[in-house]
Amino acid sequence: MIRKLMLLLGALVAGQSWLAKAAWAGGKKASELVVVADTRVLKSGVMIYFADLYNTNILLFAIWAVVLTAGLGCFLGFFMDKIMGMTGLDLTSRKIVEH
């Protein structure tokens, strides 16, 4: 009985999947989608630079993103270390305390 129910459930899922794929395949072929940054509303020079860079040279944009992310992460790490040092928490030496 359980085997028949599992077989029926599998057939229903497969049928539903086939129907969904058939419905998506019914339209005409789609054209290529081009993703660009809209620079018409930007006022800041830095924002315009990065939007134009995204539109023209995606590799250089990706390099900038990696470098800036790493730089900001280092800055936040050092900044938070200084704040923790001012509060009295010493994060420079690590002593593991066993319970």
C-alpha atoms as a PDB file:
ATOM      1  CA  MET A   1       0.000   0.000   0.000  1.00  0.00           C
ATOM      2  CA  ILE A   2       2.766   2.458   0.955  1.00  0.00           C
ATOM      3  CA  ARG A   3       4.727   1.498  -2.147  1.00  0.00           C
ATOM      4  CA  LYS A   4       1.729   2.313  -4.350  1.00  0.00           C
ATOM      5  CA  LEU A   5       1.250   5.670  -2.609  1.00  0.00           C
ATOM      6  CA  MET A   6       4.934   6.550  -3.069  1.00  0.00           C
ATOM      7  CA  LEU A   7       4.728   5.584  -6.744  1.00  0.00           C
ATOM      8  CA  LEU A   8       1.611   7.709  -7.187  1.00  0.00           C
ATOM      9  CA  LEU A   9       3.243  10.650  -5.398  1.00  0.00           C
ATOM     10  CA  GLY A  10       6.343  10.355  -7.594  1.00  0.00           C
ATOM     11  CA  ALA A  11       4.212  10.272 -10.727  1.00  0.00           C
ATOM     12  CA  LEU A  12       2.290  13.367  -9.592  1.00  0.00           C
ATOM     13  CA  VAL A  13       5.473  15.318  -8.867  1.00  0.00           C
ATOM     14  CA  ALA A  14       6.981  14.302 -12.214  1.00  0.00           C
ATOM     15  CA  GLY A  15       3.784  15.251 -14.038  1.00  0.00           C
ATOM     16  CA  GLN A  16       3.590  18.623 -12.319  1.00  0.00           C
ATOM     17  CA  SER A  17       7.231  19.308 -13.179  1.00  0.00           C
ATOM     18  CA  TRP A  18       6.642  18.377 -16.808  1.00  0.00           C
ATOM     19  CA  LEU A  19       3.593  20.639 -17.033  1.00  0.00           C
ATOM     20  CA  ALA A  20       5.500  23.583 -15.589  1.00  0.00           C
ATOM     21  CA  LYS A  21       8.342  23.108 -18.084  1.00  0.00           C
ATOM     22  CA  ALA A  22       5.875  22.833 -20.957  1.00  0.00           C
ATOM     23  CA  ALA A  23       4.186  26.082 -19.918  1.00  0.00           C
ATOM     24  CA  TRP A  24       7.512  27.965 -19.806  1.00  0.00           C
ATOM     25  CA  ALA A  25       8.538  26.636 -23.216  1.00  0.00           C
ATOM     26  CA  GLY A  26       5.362  27.920 -24.857  1.00  0.00           C
ATOM     27  CA  GLY A  27       6.507  31.481 -25.604  1.00  0.00           C
ATOM     28  CA  LYS A  28       8.786  32.932 -28.244  1.00  0.00           C
ATOM     29  CA  LYS A  29      12.548  32.989 -27.774  1.00  0.00           C
ATOM     30  CA  ALA A  30      13.689  35.731 -25.413  1.00  0.00           C
ATOM     31  CA  SER A  31      16.238  38.321 -26.449  1.00  0.00           C
ATOM     32  CA  GLU A  32      19.467  38.830 -24.511  1.00  0.00           C
ATOM     33  CA  LEU A  33      19.127  40.786 -21.305  1.00  0.00           C
ATOM     34  CA  VAL A  34      21.619  43.613 -20.819  1.00  0.00           C
ATOM     35  CA  VAL A  35      22.196  44.827 -17.265  1.00  0.00           C
ATOM     36  CA  VAL A  36      23.517  48.375 -16.911  1.00  0.00           C
ATOM     37  CA  ALA A  37      23.720  50.935 -14.128  1.00  0.00           C
ATOM     38  CA  ASP A  38      21.483  53.975 -14.630  1.00  0.00           C
ATOM     39  CA  THR A  39      23.740  57.029 -14.486  1.00  0.00           C
ATOM     40  CA  ARG A  40      21.085  59.646 -15.298  1.00  0.00           C
ATOM     41  CA  VAL A  41      20.128  60.289 -11.672  1.00  0.00           C
ATOM     42  CA  LEU A  42      23.592  60.232 -10.093  1.00  0.00           C
ATOM     43  CA  LYS A  43      25.096  63.476  -8.817  1.00  0.00           C
ATOM     44  CA  SER A  44      28.263  62.394  -6.943  1.00  0.00           C
ATOM     45  CA  GLY A  45      31.487  62.048  -8.920  1.00  0.00           C
ATOM     46  CA  VAL A  46      32.490  58.825  -7.178  1.00  0.00           C
ATOM     47  CA  MET A  47      29.102  57.231  -7.813  1.00  0.00           C
ATOM     48  CA  ILE A  48      29.206  58.266 -11.479  1.00  0.00           C
ATOM     49  CA  TYR A  49      32.736  56.851 -11.782  1.00  0.00           C
ATOM     50  CA  PHE A  50      31.742  53.459 -10.377  1.00  0.00           C
ATOM     51  CA  ALA A  51      28.505  53.323 -12.393  1.00  0.00           C
ATOM     52  CA  ASP A  52      30.393  54.091 -15.618  1.00  0.00           C
ATOM     53  CA  LEU A  53      33.060  51.589 -14.651  1.00  0.00           C
ATOM     54  CA  TYR A  54      30.369  48.933 -14.099  1.00  0.00           C
ATOM     55  CA  ASN A  55      28.884  49.698 -17.520  1.00  0.00           C
ATOM     56  CA  THR A  56      32.177  49.737 -19.442  1.00  0.00           C
ATOM     57  CA  ASN A  57      34.761  47.520 -17.688  1.00  0.00           C
ATOM     58  CA  ILE A  58      33.241  44.912 -15.376  1.00  0.00           C
ATOM     59  CA  LEU A  59      36.648  43.317 -14.613  1.00  0.00           C
ATOM     60  CA  LEU A  60      38.118  46.552 -13.266  1.00  0.00           C
ATOM     61  CA  PHE A  61      34.892  47.120 -11.328  1.00  0.00           C
ATOM     62  CA  ALA A  62      35.263  43.669  -9.741  1.00  0.00           C
ATOM     63  CA  ILE A  63      38.892  44.356  -8.824  1.00  0.00           C
ATOM     64  CA  TRP A  64      37.874  47.658  -7.220  1.00  0.00           C
ATOM     65  CA  ALA A  65      35.113  45.864  -5.298  1.00  0.00           C
ATOM     66  CA  VAL A  66      37.535  43.263  -3.919  1.00  0.00           C
ATOM     67  CA  VAL A  67      40.181  45.833  -2.972  1.00  0.00           C
ATOM     68  CA  LEU A  68      37.692  48.191  -1.319  1.00  0.00           C
ATOM     69  CA  THR A  69      35.996  45.362   0.573  1.00  0.00           C
ATOM     70  CA  ALA A  70      39.318  44.105   1.916  1.00  0.00           C
ATOM     71  CA  GLY A  71      40.445  47.635   2.803  1.00  0.00           C
ATOM     72  CA  LEU A  72      37.230  48.493   4.620  1.00  0.00           C
ATOM     73  CA  GLY A  73      37.353  45.163   6.457  1.00  0.00           C
ATOM     74  CA  CYS A  74      40.891  45.876   7.678  1.00  0.00           C
ATOM     75  CA  PHE A  75      39.914  49.398   8.699  1.00  0.00           C
ATOM     76  CA  LEU A  76      36.901  48.157  10.673  1.00  0.00           C
ATOM     77  CA  GLY A  77      39.023  45.443  12.305  1.00  0.00           C
ATOM     78  CA  PHE A  78      41.681  47.880  13.507  1.00  0.00           C
ATOM     79  CA  PHE A  79      39.051  50.437  14.539  1.00  0.00           C
ATOM     80  CA  MET A  80      37.109  47.899  16.597  1.00  0.00           C
ATOM     81  CA  ASP A  81      40.374  46.648  18.138  1.00  0.00           C
ATOM     82  CA  LYS A  82      41.105  50.196  19.312  1.00  0.00           C
ATOM     83  CA  ILE A  83      37.584  50.562  20.737  1.00  0.00           C
ATOM     84  CA  MET A  84      37.894  47.229  22.561  1.00  0.00           C
ATOM     85  CA  GLY A  85      41.291  48.314  23.912  1.00  0.00           C
ATOM     86  CA  MET A  86      39.763  51.530  25.269  1.00  0.00           C
ATOM     87  CA  THR A  87      37.059  49.539  27.047  1.00  0.00           C
ATOM     88  CA  GLY A  88      39.674  47.375  28.767  1.00  0.00           C
ATOM     89  CA  LEU A  89      39.396  44.204  26.703  1.00  0.00           C
ATOM     90  CA  ASP A  90      42.838  43.000  25.640  1.00  0.00           C
ATOM     91  CA  LEU A  91      42.595  41.173  22.333  1.00  0.00           C
ATOM     92  CA  THR A  92      46.329  41.077  21.593  1.00  0.00           C
ATOM     93  CA  SER A  93      47.138  38.083  23.791  1.00  0.00           C
ATOM     94  CA  ARG A  94      45.086  34.959  23.650  1.00  0.00           C
ATOM     95  CA  LYS A  95      44.971  32.745  26.687  1.00  0.00           C
ATOM     96  CA  ILE A  96      42.722  29.728  26.463  1.00  0.00           C
ATOM     97  CA  VAL A  97      41.046  28.961  29.748  1.00  0.00           C
ATOM     98  CA  GLU A  98      39.989  25.369  30.185  1.00  0.00           C
ATOM     99  CA  HIS A  99      36.887  24.710  32.226  1.00  0.00           C
END
